[in-house]
Amino acid sequence: MLPWVVRRTGLPLLSLRCVDCRSESATTGEGRFRVNANGKLLDVWLLVRCVSCGRTSKLGVHERAPVSSFTLAELDGYHANDPELVASTLLDPLFARRNRFALDWNGAWRLDAPSARLDDAWPVRVEVVFDDPVPVRPERLIAHGLGLSRNEVLRRIKCDIPLRRPTSAGFTFTVLAGD
């Protein structure tokens, strides 16, 4: 069985409409949090910047949360703009739903796959594992990884999941011999 791994190469862009220029793309840049204390309550925002005009906006991470509800490591991460905390916050589906944005993964992931010789033993089984929740269509991923056309993928691949629906969960497939 051949192992394939889908990995994140960077943070994805956000599909979020800018209030100034109406562009629909924003970035976290280097990843910055803004923390504001109001008595014993904290507000934490993730700062994002419009790709077109550069306008900065705030996405609410925590609003009016008691300081005691945070761990010390979490507070230090917010103050130090920890890149892992930025990534985990950005990739959290509840955070995206609450702030009404979607992630644009174009160019933000790669496929690590060993070179497969499709002339050797048939059938060939491949296991795909996702390090991050990158939504890709299996037919496109397989076509890219094996160097086949998408029509040939539909003919030669046996898989338990739909090949034309995006997935971010691991799966296995079998490559059958060509005609």
C-alpha atoms as a PDB file:
ATOM      1  CA  MET A   1       0.000   0.000   0.000  1.00  0.00           C
ATOM      2  CA  LEU A   2       1.376   3.402  -1.026  1.00  0.00           C
ATOM      3  CA  PRO A   3       1.054   6.242   1.524  1.00  0.00           C
ATOM      4  CA  TRP A   4      -0.003   9.693   0.289  1.00  0.00           C
ATOM      5  CA  VAL A   5      -0.115  12.699   2.617  1.00  0.00           C
ATOM      6  CA  VAL A   6      -1.906  16.003   1.974  1.00  0.00           C
ATOM      7  CA  ARG A   7      -0.102  18.796   3.852  1.00  0.00           C
ATOM      8  CA  ARG A   8      -0.688  22.484   4.373  1.00  0.00           C
ATOM      9  CA  THR A   9       2.089  24.675   2.914  1.00  0.00           C
ATOM     10  CA  GLY A  10       0.748  27.900   4.385  1.00  0.00           C
ATOM     11  CA  LEU A  11      -2.361  29.452   5.794  1.00  0.00           C
ATOM     12  CA  PRO A  12      -5.250  29.634   3.330  1.00  0.00           C
ATOM     13  CA  LEU A  13      -6.825  32.897   2.242  1.00  0.00           C
ATOM     14  CA  LEU A  14     -10.203  33.843   3.671  1.00  0.00           C
ATOM     15  CA  SER A  15     -13.223  34.382   1.449  1.00  0.00           C
ATOM     16  CA  LEU A  16     -14.453  37.460   3.267  1.00  0.00           C
ATOM     17  CA  ARG A  17     -15.937  40.600   1.698  1.00  0.00           C
ATOM     18  CA  CYS A  18     -14.062  43.839   2.407  1.00  0.00           C
ATOM     19  CA  VAL A  19     -16.257  46.748   3.526  1.00  0.00           C
ATOM     20  CA  ASP A  20     -14.103  49.290   1.633  1.00  0.00           C
ATOM     21  CA  CYS A  21     -13.302  47.807  -1.782  1.00  0.00           C
ATOM     22  CA  ARG A  22     -15.786  44.875  -1.884  1.00  0.00           C
ATOM     23  CA  SER A  23     -12.959  42.430  -2.631  1.00  0.00           C
ATOM     24  CA  GLU A  24     -13.668  38.897  -1.421  1.00  0.00           C
ATOM     25  CA  SER A  25     -10.208  37.851  -0.299  1.00  0.00           C
ATOM     26  CA  ALA A  26      -8.367  38.476   2.970  1.00  0.00           C
ATOM     27  CA  THR A  27      -5.210  37.139   4.593  1.00  0.00           C
ATOM     28  CA  THR A  28      -3.953  36.724   8.142  1.00  0.00           C
ATOM     29  CA  GLY A  29      -0.485  37.866   7.055  1.00  0.00           C
ATOM     30  CA  GLU A  30       1.986  36.882   9.762  1.00  0.00           C
ATOM     31  CA  GLY A  31      -0.919  36.121  12.098  1.00  0.00           C
ATOM     32  CA  ARG A  32      -1.658  38.704  14.769  1.00  0.00           C
ATOM     33  CA  PHE A  33      -4.056  38.667  17.689  1.00  0.00           C
ATOM     34  CA  ARG A  34      -5.398  41.735  19.426  1.00  0.00           C
ATOM     35  CA  VAL A  35      -6.143  41.299  23.130  1.00  0.00           C
ATOM     36  CA  ASN A  36      -8.147  43.899  25.031  1.00  0.00           C
ATOM     37  CA  ALA A  37      -8.756  43.739  28.780  1.00  0.00           C
ATOM     38  CA  ASN A  38     -11.835  45.252  30.361  1.00  0.00           C
ATOM     39  CA  GLY A  39     -11.632  44.606  34.099  1.00  0.00           C
ATOM     40  CA  LYS A  40     -11.548  40.821  34.513  1.00  0.00           C
ATOM     41  CA  LEU A  41     -12.933  40.221  31.030  1.00  0.00           C
ATOM     42  CA  LEU A  42     -10.932  39.757  27.824  1.00  0.00           C
ATOM     43  CA  ASP A  43     -11.718  40.325  24.186  1.00  0.00           C
ATOM     44  CA  VAL A  44      -9.489  38.494  21.687  1.00  0.00           C
ATOM     45  CA  TRP A  45      -9.582  39.145  17.939  1.00  0.00           C
ATOM     46  CA  LEU A  46      -7.655  37.700  15.002  1.00  0.00           C
ATOM     47  CA  LEU A  47      -6.547  40.480  12.668  1.00  0.00           C
ATOM     48  CA  VAL A  48      -7.011  39.963   8.918  1.00  0.00           C
ATOM     49  CA  ARG A  49      -6.060  42.215   6.018  1.00  0.00           C
ATOM     50  CA  CYS A  50      -7.805  42.697   2.673  1.00  0.00           C
ATOM     51  CA  VAL A  51      -5.633  41.454  -0.179  1.00  0.00           C
ATOM     52  CA  SER A  52      -6.727  44.276  -2.510  1.00  0.00           C
ATOM     53  CA  CYS A  53      -6.781  47.437  -0.411  1.00  0.00           C
ATOM     54  CA  GLY A  54      -4.929  46.431   2.774  1.00  0.00           C
ATOM     55  CA  ARG A  55      -7.758  47.358   5.169  1.00  0.00           C
ATOM     56  CA  THR A  56      -7.451  45.573   8.524  1.00  0.00           C
ATOM     57  CA  SER A  57     -10.477  43.887  10.098  1.00  0.00           C
ATOM     58  CA  LYS A  58     -10.990  42.003  13.348  1.00  0.00           C
ATOM     59  CA  LEU A  59     -12.531  38.549  13.651  1.00  0.00           C
ATOM     60  CA  GLY A  60     -13.824  37.760  17.146  1.00  0.00           C
ATOM     61  CA  VAL A  61     -12.109  34.817  18.826  1.00  0.00           C
ATOM     62  CA  HIS A  62     -13.376  35.479  22.392  1.00  0.00           C
ATOM     63  CA  GLU A  63     -15.718  38.228  23.509  1.00  0.00           C
ATOM     64  CA  ARG A  64     -16.095  39.266  27.138  1.00  0.00           C
ATOM     65  CA  ALA A  65     -14.510  36.029  28.379  1.00  0.00           C
ATOM     66  CA  PRO A  66     -13.390  35.847  32.018  1.00  0.00           C
ATOM     67  CA  VAL A  67      -9.611  35.775  32.386  1.00  0.00           C
ATOM     68  CA  SER A  68      -9.945  32.680  34.579  1.00  0.00           C
ATOM     69  CA  SER A  69     -11.388  30.715  31.623  1.00  0.00           C
ATOM     70  CA  PHE A  70      -8.030  30.843  29.780  1.00  0.00           C
ATOM     71  CA  THR A  71      -5.024  28.650  30.470  1.00  0.00           C
ATOM     72  CA  LEU A  72      -1.712  30.404  30.982  1.00  0.00           C
ATOM     73  CA  ALA A  73      -0.341  28.856  27.764  1.00  0.00           C
ATOM     74  CA  GLU A  74      -3.364  30.146  25.832  1.00  0.00           C
ATOM     75  CA  LEU A  75      -2.934  33.689  27.168  1.00  0.00           C
ATOM     76  CA  ASP A  76       0.797  33.619  26.377  1.00  0.00           C
ATOM     77  CA  GLY A  77      -0.008  32.367  22.864  1.00  0.00           C
ATOM     78  CA  TYR A  78      -2.422  35.240  22.228  1.00  0.00           C
ATOM     79  CA  HIS A  79       0.059  37.823  23.498  1.00  0.00           C
ATOM     80  CA  ALA A  80       3.016  36.316  21.580  1.00  0.00           C
ATOM     81  CA  ASN A  81       1.002  35.779  18.359  1.00  0.00           C
ATOM     82  CA  ASP A  82       1.883  32.078  18.369  1.00  0.00           C
ATOM     83  CA  PRO A  83       1.757  30.790  14.738  1.00  0.00           C
ATOM     84  CA  GLU A  84       0.319  27.416  15.804  1.00  0.00           C
ATOM     85  CA  LEU A  85      -2.451  29.148  17.754  1.00  0.00           C
ATOM     86  CA  VAL A  86      -3.179  31.363  14.723  1.00  0.00           C
ATOM     87  CA  ALA A  87      -3.394  28.263  12.484  1.00  0.00           C
ATOM     88  CA  SER A  88      -5.583  26.272  14.875  1.00  0.00           C
ATOM     89  CA  THR A  89      -7.903  29.271  15.347  1.00  0.00           C
ATOM     90  CA  LEU A  90      -8.170  29.901  11.612  1.00  0.00           C
ATOM     91  CA  LEU A  91      -8.805  26.218  10.800  1.00  0.00           C
ATOM     92  CA  ASP A  92     -11.531  25.875  13.456  1.00  0.00           C
ATOM     93  CA  PRO A  93     -14.845  25.407  11.601  1.00  0.00           C
ATOM     94  CA  LEU A  94     -16.849  26.987  14.453  1.00  0.00           C
ATOM     95  CA  PHE A  95     -14.680  30.109  14.277  1.00  0.00           C
ATOM     96  CA  ALA A  96     -15.257  30.314  10.507  1.00  0.00           C
ATOM     97  CA  ARG A  97     -19.015  29.872  10.879  1.00  0.00           C
ATOM     98  CA  ARG A  98     -19.250  32.441  13.694  1.00  0.00           C
ATOM     99  CA  ASN A  99     -17.297  35.035  11.664  1.00  0.00           C
ATOM    100  CA  ARG A 100     -18.995  34.163   8.346  1.00  0.00           C
ATOM    101  CA  PHE A 101     -16.025  33.324   6.155  1.00  0.00           C
ATOM    102  CA  ALA A 102     -14.798  30.351   4.148  1.00  0.00           C
ATOM    103  CA  LEU A 103     -11.241  29.231   3.522  1.00  0.00           C
ATOM    104  CA  ASP A 104      -9.706  29.410   0.046  1.00  0.00           C
ATOM    105  CA  TRP A 105      -7.137  26.587  -0.104  1.00  0.00           C
ATOM    106  CA  ASN A 106      -5.841  27.313  -3.650  1.00  0.00           C
ATOM    107  CA  GLY A 107      -2.053  27.088  -3.534  1.00  0.00           C
ATOM    108  CA  ALA A 108      -1.958  26.450   0.233  1.00  0.00           C
ATOM    109  CA  TRP A 109      -1.418  22.671   0.190  1.00  0.00           C
ATOM    110  CA  ARG A 110       0.714  19.992  -1.439  1.00  0.00           C
ATOM    111  CA  LEU A 111       0.561  16.251  -1.991  1.00  0.00           C
ATOM    112  CA  ASP A 112       3.485  14.202  -0.708  1.00  0.00           C
ATOM    113  CA  ALA A 113       3.361  10.974  -2.680  1.00  0.00           C
ATOM    114  CA  PRO A 114       6.123   8.485  -3.466  1.00  0.00           C
ATOM    115  CA  SER A 115       6.642   7.956  -7.172  1.00  0.00           C
ATOM    116  CA  ALA A 116       4.468   5.057  -8.228  1.00  0.00           C
ATOM    117  CA  ARG A 117       5.326   2.768 -11.099  1.00  0.00           C
ATOM    118  CA  LEU A 118       1.993   1.829 -12.501  1.00  0.00           C
ATOM    119  CA  ASP A 119       3.577  -0.796 -14.752  1.00  0.00           C
ATOM    120  CA  ASP A 120       4.473  -3.168 -11.900  1.00  0.00           C
ATOM    121  CA  ALA A 121       1.970  -5.094  -9.786  1.00  0.00           C
ATOM    122  CA  TRP A 122      -1.773  -4.656 -10.324  1.00  0.00           C
ATOM    123  CA  PRO A 123      -3.937  -3.588  -8.602  1.00  0.00           C
ATOM    124  CA  VAL A 124      -2.177  -0.850  -6.624  1.00  0.00           C
ATOM    125  CA  ARG A 125      -3.675   0.292  -3.296  1.00  0.00           C
ATOM    126  CA  VAL A 126      -3.087   3.839  -2.054  1.00  0.00           C
ATOM    127  CA  GLU A 127      -3.936   5.306   1.347  1.00  0.00           C
ATOM    128  CA  VAL A 128      -4.502   9.088   1.511  1.00  0.00           C
ATOM    129  CA  VAL A 129      -4.009  10.833   4.871  1.00  0.00           C
ATOM    130  CA  PHE A 130      -4.769  14.507   5.588  1.00  0.00           C
ATOM    131  CA  ASP A 131      -2.524  16.380   8.057  1.00  0.00           C
ATOM    132  CA  ASP A 132      -4.873  19.393   7.906  1.00  0.00           C
ATOM    133  CA  PRO A 133      -8.534  19.677   6.851  1.00  0.00           C
ATOM    134  CA  VAL A 134      -7.799  20.627   3.240  1.00  0.00           C
ATOM    135  CA  PRO A 135     -10.953  20.030   1.159  1.00  0.00           C
ATOM    136  CA  VAL A 136     -10.007  18.480  -2.201  1.00  0.00           C
ATOM    137  CA  ARG A 137     -11.893  16.500  -4.779  1.00  0.00           C
ATOM    138  CA  PRO A 138     -10.478  12.954  -4.789  1.00  0.00           C
ATOM    139  CA  GLU A 139     -10.562  12.716  -8.602  1.00  0.00           C
ATOM    140  CA  ARG A 140      -8.353  15.833  -8.922  1.00  0.00           C
ATOM    141  CA  LEU A 141      -6.000  14.671  -6.180  1.00  0.00           C
ATOM    142  CA  ILE A 142      -5.605  11.222  -7.755  1.00  0.00           C
ATOM    143  CA  ALA A 143      -5.165  12.668 -11.260  1.00  0.00           C
ATOM    144  CA  HIS A 144      -2.441  14.989  -9.950  1.00  0.00           C
ATOM    145  CA  GLY A 145      -0.713  12.245  -7.935  1.00  0.00           C
ATOM    146  CA  LEU A 146      -0.719   9.611 -10.685  1.00  0.00           C
ATOM    147  CA  GLY A 147      -0.398  11.881 -13.714  1.00  0.00           C
ATOM    148  CA  LEU A 148      -3.636  10.606 -15.239  1.00  0.00           C
ATOM    149  CA  SER A 149      -6.493  12.468 -16.876  1.00  0.00           C
ATOM    150  CA  ARG A 150      -9.623  12.881 -14.778  1.00  0.00           C
ATOM    151  CA  ASN A 151     -11.587  10.692 -17.215  1.00  0.00           C
ATOM    152  CA  GLU A 152      -8.993   7.949 -16.821  1.00  0.00           C
ATOM    153  CA  VAL A 153      -9.213   8.314 -13.043  1.00  0.00           C
ATOM    154  CA  LEU A 154     -12.967   7.728 -13.201  1.00  0.00           C
ATOM    155  CA  ARG A 155     -12.401   4.576 -15.298  1.00  0.00           C
ATOM    156  CA  ARG A 156      -9.448   3.058 -13.412  1.00  0.00           C
ATOM    157  CA  ILE A 157     -10.042   3.953  -9.771  1.00  0.00           C
ATOM    158  CA  LYS A 158     -12.170   1.980  -7.317  1.00  0.00           C
ATOM    159  CA  CYS A 159     -12.969   3.923  -4.163  1.00  0.00           C
ATOM    160  CA  ASP A 160     -15.567   3.776  -1.378  1.00  0.00           C
ATOM    161  CA  ILE A 161     -16.168   7.532  -1.360  1.00  0.00           C
ATOM    162  CA  PRO A 162     -17.573   9.697  -4.175  1.00  0.00           C
ATOM    163  CA  LEU A 163     -14.688  10.889  -6.369  1.00  0.00           C
ATOM    164  CA  ARG A 164     -16.345  14.164  -7.405  1.00  0.00           C
ATOM    165  CA  ARG A 165     -17.258  15.438  -3.914  1.00  0.00           C
ATOM    166  CA  PRO A 166     -14.717  17.364  -1.839  1.00  0.00           C
ATOM    167  CA  THR A 167     -13.388  15.564   1.217  1.00  0.00           C
ATOM    168  CA  SER A 168     -10.904  16.367   3.952  1.00  0.00           C
ATOM    169  CA  ALA A 169     -10.977  12.936   5.555  1.00  0.00           C
ATOM    170  CA  GLY A 170      -8.536  10.141   4.763  1.00  0.00           C
ATOM    171  CA  PHE A 171      -9.520   7.439   2.300  1.00  0.00           C
ATOM    172  CA  THR A 172      -8.078   4.523   0.330  1.00  0.00           C
ATOM    173  CA  PHE A 173      -8.438   3.680  -3.324  1.00  0.00           C
ATOM    174  CA  THR A 174      -7.344   1.001  -5.758  1.00  0.00           C
ATOM    175  CA  VAL A 175      -5.782   1.674  -9.161  1.00  0.00           C
ATOM    176  CA  LEU A 176      -6.783  -0.956 -11.718  1.00  0.00           C
ATOM    177  CA  ALA A 177      -4.727  -1.923 -14.762  1.00  0.00           C
ATOM    178  CA  GLY A 178      -5.175   0.162 -17.906  1.00  0.00           C
ATOM    179  CA  ASP A 179      -6.689  -1.174 -21.101  1.00  0.00           C
END
